[in-house]
Protein backbone atom coordinates (compact mmCIF):
# COMPACT_ATOMS: atom_id res chain seq x y z
CA UNK A 1 -6.79 -14.90 -10.34
CA UNK A 2 -3.32 -15.34 -11.82
CA UNK A 3 -1.56 -18.70 -11.73
CA UNK A 4 0.06 -19.01 -8.35
CA UNK A 5 3.86 -18.71 -8.15
CA UNK A 6 6.05 -21.49 -6.75
CA UNK A 7 8.16 -20.64 -3.64
CA UNK A 8 11.23 -20.34 -5.80
CA UNK A 9 9.49 -17.93 -8.16
CA UNK A 10 8.23 -15.90 -5.23
CA UNK A 11 11.76 -15.59 -3.85
CA UNK A 12 12.98 -14.61 -7.33
CA UNK A 13 10.40 -11.84 -7.52
CA UNK A 14 11.28 -10.58 -4.06
CA UNK A 15 14.93 -10.58 -4.94
CA UNK A 16 14.16 -7.96 -7.63
CA UNK A 17 13.15 -5.49 -4.98
CA UNK A 18 14.88 -6.57 -1.71
CA UNK A 19 18.56 -7.25 -1.18
CA UNK A 20 19.51 -10.29 0.99
CA UNK A 21 17.31 -11.67 3.82
CA UNK A 22 16.92 -15.06 2.09
CA UNK A 23 15.57 -16.80 5.18
CA UNK A 24 12.74 -14.38 5.58
CA UNK A 25 11.97 -14.55 1.82
CA UNK A 26 11.78 -18.34 1.92
CA UNK A 27 9.49 -18.30 4.97
CA UNK A 28 6.94 -15.95 3.44
CA UNK A 29 7.16 -17.68 0.07
CA UNK A 30 6.16 -21.02 1.68
CA UNK A 31 3.37 -19.30 3.60
CA UNK A 32 2.00 -17.86 0.42
CA UNK A 33 2.19 -21.07 -1.54
CA UNK A 34 0.50 -22.92 1.35
CA UNK A 35 -2.58 -20.83 0.68
CA UNK A 36 -2.82 -22.31 -2.80
CA UNK A 37 -2.01 -25.80 -1.45
CA UNK A 38 -4.87 -25.46 1.08
CA UNK A 39 -7.35 -24.69 -1.70
CA UNK A 40 -6.27 -27.90 -3.51
CA UNK A 41 -7.11 -30.06 -0.50
CA UNK A 42 -10.43 -31.71 0.24
CA UNK A 43 -13.20 -29.43 1.46
CA UNK A 44 -13.25 -31.31 4.71
CA UNK A 45 -9.53 -30.49 5.44
CA UNK A 46 -9.58 -26.94 4.11
CA UNK A 47 -11.25 -25.48 7.19
CA UNK A 48 -8.66 -27.12 9.50
CA UNK A 49 -5.59 -26.03 7.59
CA UNK A 50 -4.78 -22.61 9.10
CA UNK A 51 -1.98 -20.18 8.14
CA UNK A 52 1.41 -20.54 9.84
CA UNK A 53 1.81 -17.00 11.00
CA UNK A 54 5.30 -15.47 10.99
CA UNK A 55 7.35 -13.20 13.27
CA UNK A 56 10.14 -11.30 11.50
CA UNK A 57 12.83 -10.08 13.97
CA UNK A 58 15.39 -7.63 13.13
CA UNK A 59 16.44 -3.92 13.42
CA UNK A 60 14.67 -1.19 11.51
CA UNK A 61 15.49 -0.60 7.93
CA UNK A 62 16.45 -4.20 7.04
CA UNK A 63 13.42 -5.01 4.86
CA UNK A 64 10.75 -6.41 7.17
CA UNK A 65 7.88 -4.16 5.93
CA UNK A 66 8.98 -4.27 2.30
CA UNK A 67 8.93 -8.08 2.29
CA UNK A 68 5.38 -8.17 3.58
CA UNK A 69 4.23 -5.36 1.15
CA UNK A 70 5.84 -6.99 -1.90
CA UNK A 71 4.43 -10.37 -0.92
CA UNK A 72 0.87 -8.92 -0.90
CA UNK A 73 1.40 -7.41 -4.34
CA UNK A 74 2.65 -10.70 -5.74
CA UNK A 75 -0.41 -12.46 -4.34
CA UNK A 76 -2.77 -9.72 -5.43
CA UNK A 77 -4.12 -9.99 -1.94
CA UNK A 78 -5.75 -7.44 0.46
CA UNK A 79 -3.00 -6.11 2.66
CA UNK A 80 -2.90 -3.68 5.61
CA UNK A 81 -0.07 -2.61 7.82
CA UNK A 82 -0.90 -1.79 11.48
CA UNK A 83 1.27 -0.90 14.41
CA UNK A 84 0.63 -2.96 17.47
CA UNK A 85 1.64 -0.07 19.73
CA UNK A 86 -1.34 1.94 18.44
CA UNK A 87 -3.83 -0.56 19.92
CA UNK A 88 -5.19 -0.35 23.44
CA UNK A 89 -7.03 -2.91 25.44
CA UNK A 90 -10.84 -2.75 25.46
CA UNK A 91 -12.04 -0.07 27.89
CA UNK A 92 -9.19 2.36 27.34
CA UNK A 93 -8.93 5.21 24.81
CA UNK A 94 -7.49 4.19 21.48
CA UNK A 95 -8.03 1.94 18.54
CA UNK A 96 -9.55 -1.48 19.27
CA UNK A 97 -7.84 -4.49 17.63
CA UNK A 98 -10.91 -5.36 15.46
CA UNK A 99 -10.31 -2.15 13.50
CA UNK A 100 -7.51 -3.86 11.58
CA UNK A 101 -10.03 -6.33 10.19
CA UNK A 102 -12.26 -3.51 9.15
CA UNK A 103 -9.23 -1.85 7.44
CA UNK A 104 -8.50 -5.12 5.73
CA UNK A 105 -12.07 -5.30 4.29
CA UNK A 106 -11.72 -1.70 3.05
CA UNK A 107 -8.40 -2.66 1.32
CA UNK A 108 -10.12 -5.67 -0.19
CA UNK A 109 -13.00 -3.62 -1.50
CA UNK A 110 -10.63 -1.19 -3.13
CA UNK A 111 -8.72 -4.03 -4.72
CA UNK A 112 -11.81 -5.79 -6.12
CA UNK A 113 -13.37 -2.55 -7.17
CA UNK A 114 -10.20 -1.57 -9.12
CA UNK A 115 -10.18 -5.00 -10.84
CA UNK A 116 -13.85 -4.74 -11.79
CA UNK A 117 -13.42 -1.22 -13.18
CA UNK A 118 -10.44 -2.44 -15.22
CA UNK A 119 -12.55 -5.23 -16.55
CA UNK A 120 -15.36 -2.95 -17.80
CA UNK A 121 -13.01 -0.02 -18.63
CA UNK A 122 -13.18 -0.45 -22.39
CA UNK A 123 -16.95 -0.78 -22.53
CA UNK A 124 -17.36 2.21 -20.11
CA UNK A 125 -15.12 4.31 -22.35
CA UNK A 126 -17.10 3.45 -25.41
CA UNK A 127 -20.42 4.25 -23.70
CA UNK A 128 -19.05 7.55 -22.46
CA UNK A 129 -17.79 8.40 -25.94
CA UNK A 130 -21.24 7.64 -27.39
CA UNK A 131 -22.80 10.00 -24.87
CA UNK A 132 -20.27 12.71 -25.60
CA UNK A 133 -20.93 12.29 -29.31
CA UNK A 134 -24.64 12.89 -28.71
CA UNK A 135 -23.93 15.90 -26.54
CA UNK A 136 -21.46 17.45 -29.06
CA UNK A 137 -23.85 16.84 -31.89
CA UNK A 138 -26.65 18.54 -29.85
CA UNK A 139 -24.31 21.49 -29.03
CA UNK A 140 -23.87 22.35 -32.67
CA UNK A 141 -27.48 22.84 -33.43
CA UNK A 142 -28.90 19.48 -34.31
CA UNK A 143 -31.68 17.87 -32.32
CA UNK A 144 -30.55 15.45 -29.60
CA UNK A 145 -33.49 13.17 -30.32
CA UNK A 146 -32.22 12.46 -33.82
CA UNK A 147 -30.00 9.38 -33.73
CA UNK A 148 -26.47 9.63 -35.01
CA UNK A 149 -25.54 7.42 -37.88
CA UNK A 150 -22.72 4.95 -37.32
CA UNK A 151 -20.47 6.95 -39.64
CA UNK A 152 -21.22 10.21 -37.68
CA UNK A 153 -20.64 8.47 -34.35
CA UNK A 154 -17.27 7.06 -35.49
CA UNK A 155 -16.21 10.43 -36.87
CA UNK A 156 -16.97 12.21 -33.59
CA UNK A 157 -15.29 9.41 -31.58
CA UNK A 158 -12.10 9.73 -33.66
CA UNK A 159 -12.15 13.48 -33.15
CA UNK A 160 -12.53 13.00 -29.44
CA UNK A 161 -9.67 10.52 -29.22
CA UNK A 162 -7.48 12.85 -31.25
CA UNK A 163 -8.20 15.67 -28.87
CA UNK A 164 -9.68 18.02 -31.43
CA UNK A 165 -12.94 18.28 -29.31
CA UNK A 166 -11.16 18.89 -25.96
CA UNK A 167 -12.36 22.50 -25.70
CA UNK A 168 -15.87 21.90 -27.03
CA UNK A 169 -18.29 22.75 -24.30
CA UNK A 170 -21.01 20.26 -23.38
CA UNK A 171 -23.54 20.13 -20.63
CA UNK A 172 -23.47 17.10 -18.24
CA UNK A 173 -25.19 16.17 -15.09
CA UNK A 174 -22.96 15.62 -12.04
CA UNK A 175 -23.98 14.34 -8.58
CA UNK A 176 -25.06 17.02 -6.11
CA UNK A 177 -26.58 15.41 -3.02
CA UNK A 178 -26.33 15.32 0.79
CA UNK A 179 -25.48 11.67 0.21
CA UNK A 180 -21.97 12.61 -0.87
CA UNK A 181 -21.48 14.51 2.39
CA UNK A 182 -22.72 11.53 4.44
CA UNK A 183 -20.35 9.21 2.57
CA UNK A 184 -17.53 11.47 3.55
CA UNK A 185 -18.36 10.81 7.23
CA UNK A 186 -16.79 7.38 6.71
CA UNK A 187 -13.39 9.11 6.68
CA UNK A 188 -13.88 10.69 10.06
CA UNK A 189 -12.31 8.91 13.03
CA UNK A 190 -14.60 6.17 14.21
CA UNK A 191 -17.40 6.75 11.66
CA UNK A 192 -16.08 4.00 9.32
CA UNK A 193 -16.68 1.49 12.12
CA UNK A 194 -20.28 2.37 13.01
CA UNK A 195 -21.62 -0.33 10.80
CA UNK A 196 -24.51 1.76 9.44
CA UNK A 197 -24.41 2.92 5.78
CA UNK A 198 -25.94 6.42 6.13
CA UNK A 199 -25.64 6.93 2.40
CA UNK A 200 -28.09 4.04 1.81
CA UNK A 201 -30.48 5.45 4.39
CA UNK A 202 -30.67 8.85 2.64
CA UNK A 203 -30.76 7.35 -0.85
CA UNK A 204 -34.50 6.62 -0.57
CA UNK A 205 -35.48 9.94 0.98
CA UNK A 206 -37.47 12.12 -1.52
CA UNK A 207 -35.55 15.21 -2.49
CA UNK A 208 -32.23 13.92 -0.94
CA UNK A 209 -31.22 10.82 -2.89
CA UNK A 210 -29.64 10.87 -6.27
CA UNK A 211 -29.84 14.66 -6.84
CA UNK A 212 -27.76 16.02 -9.73
CA UNK A 213 -26.94 19.40 -11.19
CA UNK A 214 -25.85 20.46 -14.63
CA UNK A 215 -22.41 21.74 -15.48
CA UNK A 216 -20.76 22.92 -18.67
CA UNK A 217 -17.42 21.15 -19.18
CA UNK A 218 -14.93 20.66 -21.99
CA UNK A 219 -15.49 17.40 -23.86
CA UNK A 220 -12.34 15.82 -22.45
CA UNK A 221 -13.26 16.62 -18.82
CA UNK A 222 -16.91 15.55 -19.45
CA UNK A 223 -15.62 12.29 -20.92
CA UNK A 224 -13.83 11.43 -17.64
CA UNK A 225 -16.98 12.27 -15.65
CA UNK A 226 -19.14 10.08 -17.85
CA UNK A 227 -16.65 7.30 -18.01
CA UNK A 228 -16.62 7.15 -14.20
CA UNK A 229 -20.43 7.11 -14.18
CA UNK A 230 -20.58 4.34 -16.80
CA UNK A 231 -17.99 2.34 -14.91
CA UNK A 232 -20.11 2.49 -11.79
CA UNK A 233 -23.16 1.52 -13.78
CA UNK A 234 -21.52 -1.55 -15.27
CA UNK A 235 -20.28 -3.08 -12.05
CA UNK A 236 -22.43 -4.85 -9.46
CA UNK A 237 -21.67 -3.35 -5.99
CA UNK A 238 -23.19 -6.30 -4.19
CA UNK A 239 -20.97 -8.76 -6.14
CA UNK A 240 -17.92 -6.55 -5.32
CA UNK A 241 -18.80 -6.68 -1.62
CA UNK A 242 -19.25 -10.44 -1.61
CA UNK A 243 -15.98 -10.98 -3.43
CA UNK A 244 -14.20 -8.44 -1.19
CA UNK A 245 -15.36 -10.21 1.98
CA UNK A 246 -14.37 -13.57 0.61
CA UNK A 247 -10.86 -12.33 -0.33
CA UNK A 248 -10.27 -10.61 2.99
CA UNK A 249 -11.15 -13.91 4.76
CA UNK A 250 -9.23 -16.32 2.56
CA UNK A 251 -6.36 -14.20 1.10
CA UNK A 252 -5.96 -11.23 3.46
CA UNK A 253 -2.51 -10.36 4.86
CA UNK A 254 -2.11 -8.23 7.98
CA UNK A 255 1.35 -6.96 8.74
CA UNK A 256 1.51 -6.35 12.52
CA UNK A 257 4.50 -4.06 13.09
CA UNK A 258 6.13 -3.22 16.43
CA UNK A 259 4.78 -6.32 18.06
CA UNK A 260 7.81 -6.16 20.41
CA UNK A 261 6.35 -2.89 21.89
CA UNK A 262 3.42 -4.87 23.37
CA UNK A 263 5.67 -7.60 24.93
CA UNK A 264 6.45 -7.51 28.59
CA UNK A 265 9.90 -6.41 29.51
CA UNK A 266 12.05 -9.47 29.98
CA UNK A 267 9.72 -11.30 32.28
CA UNK A 268 9.49 -8.59 34.95
CA UNK A 269 6.61 -8.49 37.27
CA UNK A 270 3.72 -6.91 35.38
CA UNK A 271 2.88 -3.44 36.58
CA UNK A 272 1.73 -0.17 34.91
CA UNK A 273 2.61 -0.20 31.16
CA UNK A 274 3.24 -4.05 31.22
CA UNK A 275 -0.32 -4.56 32.29
CA UNK A 276 -1.58 -2.51 29.35
CA UNK A 277 0.71 -4.35 26.96
CA UNK A 278 -0.58 -7.69 28.26
CA UNK A 279 -4.13 -6.44 27.77
CA UNK A 280 -3.44 -5.70 24.06
CA UNK A 281 -1.98 -9.10 23.64
CA UNK A 282 -5.11 -10.75 25.15
CA UNK A 283 -7.31 -8.64 22.77
CA UNK A 284 -5.27 -9.72 19.75
CA UNK A 285 -5.42 -13.31 20.62
CA UNK A 286 -8.91 -14.19 19.51
CA UNK A 287 -8.41 -12.29 16.22
CA UNK A 288 -5.24 -14.25 15.41
CA UNK A 289 -6.66 -17.61 16.73
CA UNK A 290 -9.73 -17.18 14.62
CA UNK A 291 -12.93 -15.36 15.34
CA UNK A 292 -15.76 -13.50 13.58
CA UNK A 293 -15.67 -9.72 13.30
CA UNK A 294 -18.56 -7.48 12.40
CA UNK A 295 -17.86 -4.87 9.76
CA UNK A 296 -20.21 -2.44 7.97
CA UNK A 297 -20.01 -4.69 4.94
CA UNK A 298 -20.70 -8.01 6.69
CA UNK A 299 -19.20 -10.67 8.92
CA UNK A 300 -15.52 -11.66 8.47
CA UNK A 301 -13.97 -14.79 9.77
CA UNK A 302 -10.30 -14.34 10.65
CA UNK A 303 -9.30 -18.02 10.74
CA UNK A 304 -7.45 -17.99 7.44
CA UNK A 305 -5.98 -14.50 7.46
CA UNK A 306 -2.17 -14.52 7.35
CA UNK A 307 -0.56 -12.49 10.09
CA UNK A 308 3.02 -11.40 9.67
CA UNK A 309 4.35 -9.73 12.80
CA UNK A 310 7.58 -7.84 12.99
CA UNK A 311 9.71 -6.16 15.64
CA UNK A 312 13.27 -5.16 16.53
CA UNK A 313 13.15 -7.00 19.86
CA UNK A 314 16.00 -4.97 21.32
CA UNK A 315 14.62 -4.99 24.87
CA UNK A 316 12.13 -7.86 24.75
CA UNK A 317 12.10 -11.12 22.94
CA UNK A 318 9.28 -13.27 21.39
CA UNK A 319 9.19 -15.46 24.51
CA UNK A 320 8.05 -12.34 26.41
CA UNK A 321 4.69 -12.43 24.55
CA UNK A 322 1.92 -14.39 26.36
CA UNK A 323 2.27 -18.13 25.59
CA UNK A 324 -1.10 -18.36 23.70
CA UNK A 325 0.02 -15.59 21.33
CA UNK A 326 3.40 -17.12 20.86
CA UNK A 327 1.73 -20.36 19.77
CA UNK A 328 -0.12 -18.51 17.01
CA UNK A 329 3.21 -17.43 15.45
CA UNK A 330 5.07 -20.64 15.01
CA UNK A 331 7.48 -19.42 12.36
CA UNK A 332 10.17 -17.05 13.52
CA UNK A 333 12.85 -15.58 11.28
CA UNK A 334 15.73 -13.33 12.31
CA UNK A 335 16.74 -10.83 9.65
CA UNK A 336 20.33 -10.00 9.35
CA UNK A 337 21.81 -6.45 9.84
CA UNK A 338 22.79 -4.91 6.57
CA UNK A 339 26.54 -5.03 5.70
CA UNK A 340 28.42 -2.43 3.71
CA UNK A 341 28.11 -4.68 0.62
CA UNK A 342 24.35 -4.95 1.14
CA UNK A 343 24.06 -1.14 1.42
CA UNK A 344 25.96 -0.73 -1.87
CA UNK A 345 23.71 -3.25 -3.62
CA UNK A 346 20.57 -1.50 -2.25
CA UNK A 347 21.74 1.68 -3.92
CA UNK A 348 21.82 0.14 -7.39
CA UNK A 349 20.31 -3.31 -7.74
CA UNK A 350 16.59 -3.38 -6.91
CA UNK A 351 14.10 -2.43 -9.61
CA UNK A 352 13.33 0.86 -7.76
CA UNK A 353 16.84 1.38 -6.28
CA UNK A 354 17.51 4.69 -4.64
CA UNK A 355 19.96 5.90 -7.22
CA UNK A 356 17.58 5.06 -10.01
CA UNK A 357 14.93 7.16 -8.27
CA UNK A 358 17.20 10.22 -8.06
CA UNK A 359 18.27 9.79 -11.59
CA UNK A 360 14.66 9.72 -12.79
CA UNK A 361 13.68 12.75 -10.64
CA UNK A 362 16.49 14.92 -11.94
CA UNK A 363 15.94 13.75 -15.54
CA UNK A 364 12.61 15.55 -15.45
CA UNK A 365 14.63 18.76 -15.25
CA UNK A 366 16.87 17.60 -18.13
CA UNK A 367 19.78 16.82 -15.75
CA UNK A 368 21.60 13.56 -16.47
CA UNK A 369 22.87 12.20 -13.13
CA UNK A 370 25.51 9.44 -12.95
CA UNK A 371 27.42 7.80 -10.11
CA UNK A 372 30.95 6.35 -10.18
CA UNK A 373 31.31 2.91 -8.68
CA UNK A 374 33.79 4.30 -6.19
CA UNK A 375 31.29 6.89 -5.09
CA UNK A 376 28.64 4.27 -4.44
CA UNK A 377 31.09 2.19 -2.35
CA UNK A 378 32.02 5.24 -0.31
CA UNK A 379 28.37 6.13 0.26
CA UNK A 380 27.62 2.59 1.54
CA UNK A 381 30.72 2.72 3.84
CA UNK A 382 29.60 6.08 5.24
CA UNK A 383 26.03 4.83 5.82
CA UNK A 384 27.40 1.80 7.68
CA UNK A 385 29.73 4.01 9.79
CA UNK A 386 26.95 6.36 10.89
CA UNK A 387 24.69 3.39 11.69
CA UNK A 388 27.38 1.97 13.91
CA UNK A 389 28.05 5.26 15.71
CA UNK A 390 24.43 6.26 16.25
CA UNK A 391 21.16 4.45 16.07
CA UNK A 392 21.12 1.70 13.40
CA UNK A 393 18.33 2.55 11.03
CA UNK A 394 19.53 0.24 8.26
CA UNK A 395 18.90 1.18 4.60
CA UNK A 396 16.94 4.27 5.70
CA UNK A 397 20.37 5.90 6.41
CA UNK A 398 21.00 5.88 2.69
CA UNK A 399 18.00 8.24 2.18
CA UNK A 400 19.48 10.81 4.56
CA UNK A 401 22.92 10.65 3.07
CA UNK A 402 21.63 10.97 -0.54
CA UNK A 403 19.49 13.90 0.37
CA UNK A 404 22.49 15.64 1.79
CA UNK A 405 24.73 14.74 -0.96
CA UNK A 406 22.36 15.88 -3.77
CA UNK A 407 20.87 18.86 -2.00
CA UNK A 408 22.72 21.46 -4.15
CA UNK A 409 22.05 19.90 -7.55
CA UNK A 410 18.44 19.23 -6.63
CA UNK A 411 17.94 22.78 -5.56
CA UNK A 412 19.46 24.35 -8.67
CA UNK A 413 18.69 21.67 -11.28
CA UNK A 414 16.41 23.96 -13.34
CA UNK A 415 19.19 26.60 -13.56
CA UNK A 416 22.15 24.37 -14.44
CA UNK A 417 23.75 25.09 -17.83
CA UNK A 418 25.76 21.85 -17.75
CA UNK A 419 23.04 19.24 -17.73
CA UNK A 420 25.44 16.30 -16.98
CA UNK A 421 26.30 15.76 -13.37
CA UNK A 422 28.75 13.17 -12.28
CA UNK A 423 28.94 12.03 -8.67
CA UNK A 424 32.51 11.01 -7.95
CA UNK A 425 34.23 9.62 -4.90
CA UNK A 426 35.82 12.99 -4.29
CA UNK A 427 32.44 14.81 -4.48
CA UNK A 428 30.97 12.35 -1.92
CA UNK A 429 33.97 12.94 0.40
CA UNK A 430 33.73 16.69 -0.03
CA UNK A 431 29.95 16.81 0.81
CA UNK A 432 29.75 14.25 3.57
CA UNK A 433 33.08 13.30 5.11
CA UNK A 434 33.10 16.09 7.72
CA UNK A 435 29.51 15.26 8.79
CA UNK A 436 30.18 11.58 9.05
CA UNK A 437 33.42 12.07 10.97
CA UNK A 438 31.83 14.44 13.51
CA UNK A 439 29.96 11.99 15.68
CA UNK A 440 27.83 14.66 17.43
CA UNK A 441 26.85 16.25 14.11
CA UNK A 442 26.01 12.98 12.38
CA UNK A 443 23.84 11.96 15.26
CA UNK A 444 21.53 14.89 14.69
CA UNK A 445 21.89 15.64 11.00
CA UNK A 446 22.35 12.21 9.49
């Protein structure tokens, strides 16, 4: 694993993608660094040092989800985002809370599998090229049983890499088995949580497991098929599963969104929906406190998974959660609403800023899009105005405004004769001013 970043370095990396919200960035940076610090402690203490879970409070569109997502990428850690409002207490129809741990294990498996495939990619590529070389040589009339000389093999490999053999037809074996159908059942609702690996059951059945069929493919396409096959052959699935379970337990991050939706309403007497919300909280409690969850890949202890909860808390507040759950989220950070200056910075400063995205999209059509500084300031002011007049959706308002602003040029980009398009303050005003000023229209269109 890469050398861990210091809290200051983590905040610096987050600053490249997210504008403002320094208090939230510092809190998650410390939480991430504490994981590394825990591993440096004595074995005796490691089990007792548990994560300090965090609640991020703030309106939609201010960066709560993005902070958690970017943190997981920095940590190269398994990460899942779940909505607390989608859970139901045990005994009612809906998703049970343990499903988020199973989702985390799946995310961890994907992460580790990608890393392992990247590690063996070069060797898998070479092995696949060797097999293609044998197939190509056999396809031009020479016996497959005769070994290629090193010189012949290098010549065919060079031709393959240069693309001169792309259309050469070769015959390869591809999987053709009911096992693939059974594996697909894992994507059906509920089937991924059964805990039985049906593919493994069928693998040993005569006539059902490991069946293949021959197909004629171009050398380039065949190379991709064989490269995937070689990659699977070079990695150890059991080792991947063990590492994935270990990472999910020690490095996993679960972003629990909309946690305010399961809080009771301002201390009112619990009836109806409040009873259900309380039930979900009680079901969440053992997972967050630390328990063992059965998944189809093995047991997972949740003691050291980092939980980052988030919510707008417009109607409720963190103190409306049951006391036991409050105690498992000791760090609470309130994110600030975005100002006009923040919105202007969001348009241009982050690495994948919105304006950079639109410039890149239109550049694929040969259109060179540019924005005047005054136009950017006006866009930010309009976004702030609409947020004030209607529901405040933070930076997401910029998406709706930019789509409206650039609708005409995006529609006719391939037909434009003048491939330079300058967005000026006057153009922004012409396209959006009437919509923004009309409060009823802006509420429904913007």
